[in-house]
Amino acid sequence: MSVIAGTAEDRDTAIRMAEEVGLTFPIAYGITKDQVADLAPLWMEDDRHGRYLQPSEFLVAKRRRTAFGTMYASGPIGRMSVDEVLFLLGNLARSRQRRS
């Protein structure tokens, strides 16, 4: 299993955030509107933050190259937790074992 992240922030901001919270997986930075257009993201704009991209999360099956889980958030609530992802992956593994 691999984890990657992407942000619309610049390189320095992405590095600082990763260091502050201890992230060790790859992070793409400088993501543009055109680069994520096919994912139907939610872009917001307000006086406090300017224009920003709301979080979008995808669980992708490597062999099939398809998304089997997605989450779009419009705020700090409604994001996948690590426990939820591990539970889902465990269920998928058990399902494959029963079929074989």
PDB file of N, CA and C in Angstrom:
ATOM      1  N   MET A   1       0.844  -1.159   0.000  1.00  0.00           N
ATOM      2  CA  MET A   1       0.000   0.000   0.000  1.00  0.00           C
ATOM      3  C   MET A   1       0.897   1.232   0.000  1.00  0.00           C
ATOM      4  N   SER A   2       0.494   2.247  -0.762  1.00  0.00           N
ATOM      5  CA  SER A   2       1.245   3.493  -0.839  1.00  0.00           C
ATOM      6  C   SER A   2       0.338   4.663  -0.500  1.00  0.00           C
ATOM      7  N   VAL A   3       0.932   5.695   0.042  1.00  0.00           N
ATOM      8  CA  VAL A   3       0.222   6.928   0.333  1.00  0.00           C
ATOM      9  C   VAL A   3       0.941   8.059  -0.372  1.00  0.00           C
ATOM     10  N   ILE A   4       0.185   8.873  -1.085  1.00  0.00           N
ATOM     11  CA  ILE A   4       0.727  10.093  -1.683  1.00  0.00           C
ATOM     12  C   ILE A   4      -0.262  11.211  -1.400  1.00  0.00           C
ATOM     13  N   ALA A   5       0.208  12.430  -1.460  1.00  0.00           N
ATOM     14  CA  ALA A   5      -0.664  13.584  -1.223  1.00  0.00           C
ATOM     15  C   ALA A   5      -0.362  14.648  -2.266  1.00  0.00           C
ATOM     16  N   GLY A   6      -1.299  15.532  -2.452  1.00  0.00           N
ATOM     17  CA  GLY A   6      -1.107  16.656  -3.347  1.00  0.00           C
ATOM     18  C   GLY A   6      -1.712  17.897  -2.724  1.00  0.00           C
ATOM     19  N   THR A   7      -1.114  19.045  -2.995  1.00  0.00           N
ATOM     20  CA  THR A   7      -1.607  20.297  -2.452  1.00  0.00           C
ATOM     21  C   THR A   7      -1.444  21.403  -3.483  1.00  0.00           C
ATOM     22  N   ALA A   8      -2.319  22.379  -3.399  1.00  0.00           N
ATOM     23  CA  ALA A   8      -2.202  23.560  -4.256  1.00  0.00           C
ATOM     24  C   ALA A   8      -1.168  24.538  -3.703  1.00  0.00           C
ATOM     25  N   GLU A   9      -0.683  24.279  -2.500  1.00  0.00           N
ATOM     26  CA  GLU A   9       0.310  25.158  -1.871  1.00  0.00           C
ATOM     27  C   GLU A   9       1.638  25.107  -2.629  1.00  0.00           C
ATOM     28  N   ASP A  10       2.486  26.098  -2.391  1.00  0.00           N
ATOM     29  CA  ASP A  10       3.809  26.102  -3.010  1.00  0.00           C
ATOM     30  C   ASP A  10       4.731  25.118  -2.280  1.00  0.00           C
ATOM     31  N   ARG A  11       5.925  24.923  -2.834  1.00  0.00           N
ATOM     32  CA  ARG A  11       6.865  23.929  -2.306  1.00  0.00           C
ATOM     33  C   ARG A  11       7.231  24.204  -0.853  1.00  0.00           C
ATOM     34  N   ASP A  12       7.603  25.440  -0.539  1.00  0.00           N
ATOM     35  CA  ASP A  12       8.030  25.762   0.824  1.00  0.00           C
ATOM     36  C   ASP A  12       6.924  25.531   1.841  1.00  0.00           C
ATOM     37  N   THR A  13       5.699  25.897   1.487  1.00  0.00           N
ATOM     38  CA  THR A  13       4.570  25.686   2.400  1.00  0.00           C
ATOM     39  C   THR A  13       4.310  24.199   2.593  1.00  0.00           C
ATOM     40  N   ALA A  14       4.388  23.416   1.520  1.00  0.00           N
ATOM     41  CA  ALA A  14       4.170  21.970   1.617  1.00  0.00           C
ATOM     42  C   ALA A  14       5.236  21.316   2.500  1.00  0.00           C
ATOM     43  N   ILE A  15       6.490  21.723   2.328  1.00  0.00           N
ATOM     44  CA  ILE A  15       7.574  21.170   3.151  1.00  0.00           C
ATOM     45  C   ILE A  15       7.369  21.532   4.617  1.00  0.00           C
ATOM     46  N   ARG A  16       7.049  22.781   4.882  1.00  0.00           N
ATOM     47  CA  ARG A  16       6.838  23.228   6.270  1.00  0.00           C
ATOM     48  C   ARG A  16       5.699  22.447   6.931  1.00  0.00           C
ATOM     49  N   MET A  17       4.588  22.271   6.213  1.00  0.00           N
ATOM     50  CA  MET A  17       3.454  21.528   6.759  1.00  0.00           C
ATOM     51  C   MET A  17       3.845  20.073   7.033  1.00  0.00           C
ATOM     52  N   ALA A  18       4.553  19.448   6.088  1.00  0.00           N
ATOM     53  CA  ALA A  18       4.970  18.055   6.265  1.00  0.00           C
ATOM     54  C   ALA A  18       5.872  17.912   7.485  1.00  0.00           C
ATOM     55  N   GLU A  19       6.778  18.842   7.659  1.00  0.00           N
ATOM     56  CA  GLU A  19       7.678  18.803   8.820  1.00  0.00           C
ATOM     57  C   GLU A  19       6.926  19.029  10.125  1.00  0.00           C
ATOM     58  N   GLU A  20       5.962  19.951  10.125  1.00  0.00           N
ATOM     59  CA  GLU A  20       5.195  20.255  11.341  1.00  0.00           C
ATOM     60  C   GLU A  20       4.394  19.057  11.836  1.00  0.00           C
ATOM     61  N   VAL A  21       3.839  18.278  10.916  1.00  0.00           N
ATOM     62  CA  VAL A  21       2.996  17.155  11.333  1.00  0.00           C
ATOM     63  C   VAL A  21       3.673  15.799  11.163  1.00  0.00           C
ATOM     64  N   GLY A  22       4.924  15.791  10.690  1.00  0.00           N
ATOM     65  CA  GLY A  22       5.687  14.554  10.612  1.00  0.00           C
ATOM     66  C   GLY A  22       5.331  13.640   9.453  1.00  0.00           C
ATOM     67  N   LEU A  23       4.914  14.199   8.328  1.00  0.00           N
ATOM     68  CA  LEU A  23       4.585  13.362   7.170  1.00  0.00           C
ATOM     69  C   LEU A  23       5.852  12.831   6.525  1.00  0.00           C
ATOM     70  N   THR A  24       5.810  11.576   6.091  1.00  0.00           N
ATOM     71  CA  THR A  24       6.977  10.967   5.466  1.00  0.00           C
ATOM     72  C   THR A  24       6.689  10.447   4.061  1.00  0.00           C
ATOM     73  N   PHE A  25       5.467  10.598   3.583  1.00  0.00           N
ATOM     74  CA  PHE A  25       5.126  10.120   2.238  1.00  0.00           C
ATOM     75  C   PHE A  25       5.262  11.262   1.229  1.00  0.00           C
ATOM     76  N   PRO A  26       5.319  10.926  -0.064  1.00  0.00           N
ATOM     77  CA  PRO A  26       5.494  11.959  -1.089  1.00  0.00           C
ATOM     78  C   PRO A  26       4.314  12.939  -1.130  1.00  0.00           C
ATOM     79  N   ILE A  27       4.642  14.210  -1.375  1.00  0.00           N
ATOM     80  CA  ILE A  27       3.618  15.248  -1.491  1.00  0.00           C
ATOM     81  C   ILE A  27       3.888  16.051  -2.763  1.00  0.00           C
ATOM     82  N   ALA A  28       2.923  16.036  -3.680  1.00  0.00           N
ATOM     83  CA  ALA A  28       3.005  16.884  -4.869  1.00  0.00           C
ATOM     84  C   ALA A  28       2.528  18.269  -4.457  1.00  0.00           C
ATOM     85  N   TYR A  29       3.164  19.297  -4.945  1.00  0.00           N
ATOM     86  CA  TYR A  29       2.791  20.658  -4.570  1.00  0.00           C
ATOM     87  C   TYR A  29       2.531  21.482  -5.835  1.00  0.00           C
ATOM     88  N   GLY A  30       1.855  22.617  -5.664  1.00  0.00           N
ATOM     89  CA  GLY A  30       1.558  23.487  -6.795  1.00  0.00           C
ATOM     90  C   GLY A  30       0.499  22.932  -7.730  1.00  0.00           C
ATOM     91  N   ILE A  31      -0.364  22.069  -7.207  1.00  0.00           N
ATOM     92  CA  ILE A  31      -1.430  21.483  -8.021  1.00  0.00           C
ATOM     93  C   ILE A  31      -2.317  22.607  -8.569  1.00  0.00           C
ATOM     94  N   THR A  32      -2.621  22.559  -9.855  1.00  0.00           N
ATOM     95  CA  THR A  32      -3.434  23.598 -10.481  1.00  0.00           C
ATOM     96  C   THR A  32      -4.861  23.118 -10.732  1.00  0.00           C
ATOM     97  N   LYS A  33      -5.719  24.064 -10.989  1.00  0.00           N
ATOM     98  CA  LYS A  33      -7.123  23.757 -11.291  1.00  0.00           C
ATOM     99  C   LYS A  33      -7.226  22.818 -12.492  1.00  0.00           C
ATOM    100  N   ASP A  34      -6.455  23.074 -13.535  1.00  0.00           N
ATOM    101  CA  ASP A  34      -6.504  22.231 -14.729  1.00  0.00           C
ATOM    102  C   ASP A  34      -6.039  20.805 -14.446  1.00  0.00           C
ATOM    103  N   GLN A  35      -5.044  20.641 -13.568  1.00  0.00           N
ATOM    104  CA  GLN A  35      -4.511  19.313 -13.279  1.00  0.00           C
ATOM    105  C   GLN A  35      -5.512  18.422 -12.547  1.00  0.00           C
ATOM    106  N   VAL A  36      -6.421  18.992 -11.793  1.00  0.00           N
ATOM    107  CA  VAL A  36      -7.377  18.180 -11.028  1.00  0.00           C
ATOM    108  C   VAL A  36      -8.806  18.300 -11.548  1.00  0.00           C
ATOM    109  N   ALA A  37      -8.993  18.940 -12.679  1.00  0.00           N
ATOM    110  CA  ALA A  37     -10.348  19.185 -13.202  1.00  0.00           C
ATOM    111  C   ALA A  37     -11.153  17.897 -13.362  1.00  0.00           C
ATOM    112  N   ASP A  38     -10.540  16.819 -13.830  1.00  0.00           N
ATOM    113  CA  ASP A  38     -11.257  15.559 -14.034  1.00  0.00           C
ATOM    114  C   ASP A  38     -11.719  14.908 -12.738  1.00  0.00           C
ATOM    115  N   LEU A  39     -11.147  15.320 -11.607  1.00  0.00           N
ATOM    116  CA  LEU A  39     -11.528  14.755 -10.315  1.00  0.00           C
ATOM    117  C   LEU A  39     -12.722  15.489  -9.703  1.00  0.00           C
ATOM    118  N   ALA A  40     -13.215  16.525 -10.372  1.00  0.00           N
ATOM    119  CA  ALA A  40     -14.351  17.330  -9.915  1.00  0.00           C
ATOM    120  C   ALA A  40     -14.149  17.850  -8.497  1.00  0.00           C
ATOM    121  N   PRO A  41     -13.038  18.537  -8.258  1.00  0.00           N
ATOM    122  CA  PRO A  41     -12.773  19.042  -6.910  1.00  0.00           C
ATOM    123  C   PRO A  41     -13.643  20.244  -6.575  1.00  0.00           C
ATOM    124  N   LEU A  42     -13.646  20.581  -5.308  1.00  0.00           N
ATOM    125  CA  LEU A  42     -14.402  21.734  -4.836  1.00  0.00           C
ATOM    126  C   LEU A  42     -13.426  22.855  -4.499  1.00  0.00           C
ATOM    127  N   TRP A  43     -13.417  23.902  -5.314  1.00  0.00           N
ATOM    128  CA  TRP A  43     -12.594  25.079  -5.069  1.00  0.00           C
ATOM    129  C   TRP A  43     -13.454  26.092  -4.337  1.00  0.00           C
ATOM    130  N   MET A  44     -12.893  26.725  -3.333  1.00  0.00           N
ATOM    131  CA  MET A  44     -13.612  27.730  -2.546  1.00  0.00           C
ATOM    132  C   MET A  44     -12.839  29.043  -2.596  1.00  0.00           C
ATOM    133  N   GLU A  45     -13.497  30.111  -2.192  1.00  0.00           N
ATOM    134  CA  GLU A  45     -12.830  31.399  -2.095  1.00  0.00           C
ATOM    135  C   GLU A  45     -13.512  32.205  -1.008  1.00  0.00           C
ATOM    136  N   ASP A  46     -12.699  32.801  -0.146  1.00  0.00           N
ATOM    137  CA  ASP A  46     -13.240  33.694   0.876  1.00  0.00           C
ATOM    138  C   ASP A  46     -12.208  34.764   1.208  1.00  0.00           C
ATOM    139  N   ASP A  47     -12.629  35.752   1.958  1.00  0.00           N
ATOM    140  CA  ASP A  47     -11.748  36.878   2.280  1.00  0.00           C
ATOM    141  C   ASP A  47     -10.556  36.461   3.140  1.00  0.00           C
ATOM    142  N   ARG A  48     -10.753  35.479   3.996  1.00  0.00           N
ATOM    143  CA  ARG A  48      -9.695  35.067   4.927  1.00  0.00           C
ATOM    144  C   ARG A  48      -8.595  34.261   4.259  1.00  0.00           C
ATOM    145  N   HIS A  49      -8.994  33.306   3.391  1.00  0.00           N
ATOM    146  CA  HIS A  49      -8.032  32.367   2.811  1.00  0.00           C
ATOM    147  C   HIS A  49      -7.753  32.592   1.328  1.00  0.00           C
ATOM    148  N   GLY A  50      -8.529  33.408   0.669  1.00  0.00           N
ATOM    149  CA  GLY A  50      -8.385  33.536  -0.778  1.00  0.00           C
ATOM    150  C   GLY A  50      -8.983  32.321  -1.467  1.00  0.00           C
ATOM    151  N   ARG A  51      -8.413  31.902  -2.573  1.00  0.00           N
ATOM    152  CA  ARG A  51      -8.906  30.737  -3.320  1.00  0.00           C
ATOM    153  C   ARG A  51      -8.171  29.494  -2.832  1.00  0.00           C
ATOM    154  N   TYR A  52      -8.920  28.445  -2.539  1.00  0.00           N
ATOM    155  CA  TYR A  52      -8.296  27.221  -2.041  1.00  0.00           C
ATOM    156  C   TYR A  52      -9.107  26.003  -2.444  1.00  0.00           C
ATOM    157  N   LEU A  53      -8.438  24.878  -2.435  1.00  0.00           N
ATOM    158  CA  LEU A  53      -9.022  23.598  -2.818  1.00  0.00           C
ATOM    159  C   LEU A  53      -9.432  22.828  -1.570  1.00  0.00           C
ATOM    160  N   GLN A  54     -10.684  22.386  -1.528  1.00  0.00           N
ATOM    161  CA  GLN A  54     -11.137  21.552  -0.415  1.00  0.00           C
ATOM    162  C   GLN A  54     -10.555  20.147  -0.566  1.00  0.00           C
ATOM    163  N   PRO A  55     -10.366  19.432   0.542  1.00  0.00           N
ATOM    164  CA  PRO A  55      -9.767  18.096   0.482  1.00  0.00           C
ATOM    165  C   PRO A  55     -10.595  17.099  -0.333  1.00  0.00           C
ATOM    166  N   SER A  56      -9.889  16.281  -1.061  1.00  0.00           N
ATOM    167  CA  SER A  56     -10.475  15.168  -1.807  1.00  0.00           C
ATOM    168  C   SER A  56      -9.566  13.975  -1.562  1.00  0.00           C
ATOM    169  N   GLU A  57     -10.151  12.839  -1.232  1.00  0.00           N
ATOM    170  CA  GLU A  57      -9.362  11.644  -0.933  1.00  0.00           C
ATOM    171  C   GLU A  57      -9.816  10.498  -1.823  1.00  0.00           C
ATOM    172  N   PHE A  58      -8.856   9.711  -2.261  1.00  0.00           N
ATOM    173  CA  PHE A  58      -9.158   8.596  -3.163  1.00  0.00           C
ATOM    174  C   PHE A  58      -8.396   7.358  -2.723  1.00  0.00           C
ATOM    175  N   LEU A  59      -9.079   6.243  -2.681  1.00  0.00           N
ATOM    176  CA  LEU A  59      -8.443   4.939  -2.495  1.00  0.00           C
ATOM    177  C   LEU A  59      -8.455   4.292  -3.877  1.00  0.00           C
ATOM    178  N   VAL A  60      -7.273   3.978  -4.391  1.00  0.00           N
ATOM    179  CA  VAL A  60      -7.154   3.492  -5.753  1.00  0.00           C
ATOM    180  C   VAL A  60      -6.615   2.070  -5.759  1.00  0.00           C
ATOM    181  N   ALA A  61      -7.306   1.185  -6.483  1.00  0.00           N
ATOM    182  CA  ALA A  61      -6.847  -0.192  -6.640  1.00  0.00           C
ATOM    183  C   ALA A  61      -5.719  -0.189  -7.659  1.00  0.00           C
ATOM    184  N   LYS A  62      -4.532  -0.562  -7.228  1.00  0.00           N
ATOM    185  CA  LYS A  62      -3.337  -0.483  -8.070  1.00  0.00           C
ATOM    186  C   LYS A  62      -3.471  -1.349  -9.328  1.00  0.00           C
ATOM    187  N   ARG A  63      -3.912  -2.567  -9.162  1.00  0.00           N
ATOM    188  CA  ARG A  63      -4.007  -3.476 -10.313  1.00  0.00           C
ATOM    189  C   ARG A  63      -5.078  -3.044 -11.305  1.00  0.00           C
ATOM    190  N   ARG A  64      -6.201  -2.600 -10.791  1.00  0.00           N
ATOM    191  CA  ARG A  64      -7.319  -2.218 -11.669  1.00  0.00           C
ATOM    192  C   ARG A  64      -7.276  -0.755 -12.089  1.00  0.00           C
ATOM    193  N   ARG A  65      -6.475   0.046 -11.376  1.00  0.00           N
ATOM    194  CA  ARG A  65      -6.372   1.482 -11.641  1.00  0.00           C
ATOM    195  C   ARG A  65      -7.746   2.158 -11.578  1.00  0.00           C
ATOM    196  N   THR A  66      -8.508   1.777 -10.592  1.00  0.00           N
ATOM    197  CA  THR A  66      -9.824   2.377 -10.382  1.00  0.00           C
ATOM    198  C   THR A  66      -9.956   2.822  -8.929  1.00  0.00           C
ATOM    199  N   ALA A  67     -10.765   3.831  -8.713  1.00  0.00           N
ATOM    200  CA  ALA A  67     -11.040   4.290  -7.347  1.00  0.00           C
ATOM    201  C   ALA A  67     -12.109   3.395  -6.745  1.00  0.00           C
ATOM    202  N   PHE A  68     -11.855   2.894  -5.545  1.00  0.00           N
ATOM    203  CA  PHE A  68     -12.858   2.091  -4.852  1.00  0.00           C
ATOM    204  C   PHE A  68     -13.352   2.779  -3.591  1.00  0.00           C
ATOM    205  N   GLY A  69     -12.846   3.945  -3.325  1.00  0.00           N
ATOM    206  CA  GLY A  69     -13.316   4.742  -2.194  1.00  0.00           C
ATOM    207  C   GLY A  69     -12.933   6.189  -2.429  1.00  0.00           C
ATOM    208  N   THR A  70     -13.856   7.102  -2.191  1.00  0.00           N
ATOM    209  CA  THR A  70     -13.564   8.523  -2.348  1.00  0.00           C
ATOM    210  C   THR A  70     -14.222   9.304  -1.225  1.00  0.00           C
ATOM    211  N   MET A  71     -13.658  10.475  -0.951  1.00  0.00           N
ATOM    212  CA  MET A  71     -14.239  11.361   0.061  1.00  0.00           C
ATOM    213  C   MET A  71     -13.951  12.790  -0.363  1.00  0.00           C
ATOM    214  N   TYR A  72     -14.989  13.574  -0.452  1.00  0.00           N
ATOM    215  CA  TYR A  72     -14.846  14.997  -0.733  1.00  0.00           C
ATOM    216  C   TYR A  72     -15.317  15.737   0.506  1.00  0.00           C
ATOM    217  N   ALA A  73     -14.528  16.675   0.984  1.00  0.00           N
ATOM    218  CA  ALA A  73     -14.885  17.424   2.189  1.00  0.00           C
ATOM    219  C   ALA A  73     -15.107  18.894   1.837  1.00  0.00           C
ATOM    220  N   SER A  74     -15.983  19.524   2.575  1.00  0.00           N
ATOM    221  CA  SER A  74     -16.196  20.955   2.399  1.00  0.00           C
ATOM    222  C   SER A  74     -15.830  21.686   3.682  1.00  0.00           C
ATOM    223  N   GLY A  75     -14.988  21.075   4.464  1.00  0.00           N
ATOM    224  CA  GLY A  75     -14.537  21.646   5.725  1.00  0.00           C
ATOM    225  C   GLY A  75     -13.686  20.637   6.453  1.00  0.00           C
ATOM    226  N   PRO A  76     -13.365  20.901   7.703  1.00  0.00           N
ATOM    227  CA  PRO A  76     -12.462  20.028   8.448  1.00  0.00           C
ATOM    228  C   PRO A  76     -13.084  18.708   8.900  1.00  0.00           C
ATOM    229  N   ILE A  77     -14.376  18.534   8.694  1.00  0.00           N
ATOM    230  CA  ILE A  77     -15.052  17.300   9.101  1.00  0.00           C
ATOM    231  C   ILE A  77     -15.403  16.513   7.842  1.00  0.00           C
ATOM    232  N   GLY A  78     -15.378  15.197   7.939  1.00  0.00           N
ATOM    233  CA  GLY A  78     -15.775  14.365   6.821  1.00  0.00           C
ATOM    234  C   GLY A  78     -14.611  13.786   6.056  1.00  0.00           C
ATOM    235  N   ARG A  79     -13.475  13.658   6.702  1.00  0.00           N
ATOM    236  CA  ARG A  79     -12.310  13.066   6.049  1.00  0.00           C
ATOM    237  C   ARG A  79     -12.133  11.629   6.515  1.00  0.00           C
ATOM    238  N   MET A  80     -11.493  10.820   5.681  1.00  0.00           N
ATOM    239  CA  MET A  80     -11.251   9.425   6.037  1.00  0.00           C
ATOM    240  C   MET A  80     -10.265   9.360   7.194  1.00  0.00           C
ATOM    241  N   SER A  81     -10.543   8.501   8.129  1.00  0.00           N
ATOM    242  CA  SER A  81      -9.582   8.262   9.204  1.00  0.00           C
ATOM    243  C   SER A  81      -8.740   7.043   8.828  1.00  0.00           C
ATOM    244  N   VAL A  82      -7.575   6.944   9.408  1.00  0.00           N
ATOM    245  CA  VAL A  82      -6.704   5.793   9.155  1.00  0.00           C
ATOM    246  C   VAL A  82      -7.426   4.506   9.535  1.00  0.00           C
ATOM    247  N   ASP A  83      -8.124   4.508  10.668  1.00  0.00           N
ATOM    248  CA  ASP A  83      -8.838   3.304  11.108  1.00  0.00           C
ATOM    249  C   ASP A  83      -9.900   2.876  10.094  1.00  0.00           C
ATOM    250  N   GLU A  84     -10.607   3.848   9.504  1.00  0.00           N
ATOM    251  CA  GLU A  84     -11.633   3.517   8.506  1.00  0.00           C
ATOM    252  C   GLU A  84     -11.009   2.903   7.255  1.00  0.00           C
ATOM    253  N   VAL A  85      -9.896   3.457   6.814  1.00  0.00           N
ATOM    254  CA  VAL A  85      -9.218   2.925   5.631  1.00  0.00           C
ATOM    255  C   VAL A  85      -8.708   1.513   5.904  1.00  0.00           C
ATOM    256  N   LEU A  86      -8.098   1.300   7.057  1.00  0.00           N
ATOM    257  CA  LEU A  86      -7.599  -0.040   7.400  1.00  0.00           C
ATOM    258  C   LEU A  86      -8.742  -1.045   7.515  1.00  0.00           C
ATOM    259  N   PHE A  87      -9.880  -0.624   8.067  1.00  0.00           N
ATOM    260  CA  PHE A  87     -11.054  -1.503   8.163  1.00  0.00           C
ATOM    261  C   PHE A  87     -11.527  -1.893   6.763  1.00  0.00           C
ATOM    262  N   LEU A  88     -11.620  -0.913   5.863  1.00  0.00           N
ATOM    263  CA  LEU A  88     -12.051  -1.190   4.492  1.00  0.00           C
ATOM    264  C   LEU A  88     -11.089  -2.139   3.794  1.00  0.00           C
ATOM    265  N   LEU A  89      -9.786  -1.891   3.916  1.00  0.00           N
ATOM    266  CA  LEU A  89      -8.807  -2.766   3.288  1.00  0.00           C
ATOM    267  C   LEU A  89      -8.859  -4.177   3.854  1.00  0.00           C
ATOM    268  N   GLY A  90      -9.074  -4.297   5.171  1.00  0.00           N
ATOM    269  CA  GLY A  90      -9.220  -5.614   5.790  1.00  0.00           C
ATOM    270  C   GLY A  90     -10.430  -6.360   5.253  1.00  0.00           C
ATOM    271  N   ASN A  91     -11.538  -5.650   5.100  1.00  0.00           N
ATOM    272  CA  ASN A  91     -12.749  -6.269   4.541  1.00  0.00           C
ATOM    273  C   ASN A  91     -12.517  -6.742   3.109  1.00  0.00           C
ATOM    274  N   LEU A  92     -11.840  -5.932   2.320  1.00  0.00           N
ATOM    275  CA  LEU A  92     -11.553  -6.337   0.946  1.00  0.00           C
ATOM    276  C   LEU A  92     -10.670  -7.571   0.907  1.00  0.00           C
ATOM    277  N   ALA A  93      -9.663  -7.633   1.764  1.00  0.00           N
ATOM    278  CA  ALA A  93      -8.764  -8.794   1.804  1.00  0.00           C
ATOM    279  C   ALA A  93      -9.528 -10.048   2.227  1.00  0.00           C
ATOM    280  N   ARG A  94     -10.391  -9.921   3.252  1.00  0.00           N
ATOM    281  CA  ARG A  94     -11.184 -11.080   3.695  1.00  0.00           C
ATOM    282  C   ARG A  94     -12.135 -11.549   2.596  1.00  0.00           C
ATOM    283  N   SER A  95     -12.698 -10.613   1.858  1.00  0.00           N
ATOM    284  CA  SER A  95     -13.603 -10.954   0.764  1.00  0.00           C
ATOM    285  C   SER A  95     -12.869 -11.722  -0.336  1.00  0.00           C
ATOM    286  N   ARG A  96     -11.655 -11.302  -0.656  1.00  0.00           N
ATOM    287  CA  ARG A  96     -10.857 -12.008  -1.669  1.00  0.00           C
ATOM    288  C   ARG A  96     -10.516 -13.417  -1.204  1.00  0.00           C
ATOM    289  N   GLN A  97     -10.203 -13.571   0.079  1.00  0.00           N
ATOM    290  CA  GLN A  97      -9.852 -14.891   0.626  1.00  0.00           C
ATOM    291  C   GLN A  97     -11.043 -15.833   0.537  1.00  0.00           C
ATOM    292  N   ARG A  98     -12.248 -15.341   0.823  1.00  0.00           N
ATOM    293  CA  ARG A  98     -13.446 -16.184   0.778  1.00  0.00           C
ATOM    294  C   ARG A  98     -13.745 -16.643  -0.657  1.00  0.00           C
ATOM    295  N   ARG A  99     -13.441 -15.794  -1.635  1.00  0.00           N
ATOM    296  CA  ARG A  99     -13.719 -16.138  -3.039  1.00  0.00           C
ATOM    297  C   ARG A  99     -12.711 -17.118  -3.599  1.00  0.00           C
ATOM    298  N   SER A 100     -11.513 -17.198  -3.015  1.00  0.00           N
ATOM    299  CA  SER A 100     -10.487 -18.095  -3.576  1.00  0.00           C
ATOM    300  C   SER A 100     -10.480 -19.438  -2.924  1.00  0.00           C
TER     301      SER A 100
END
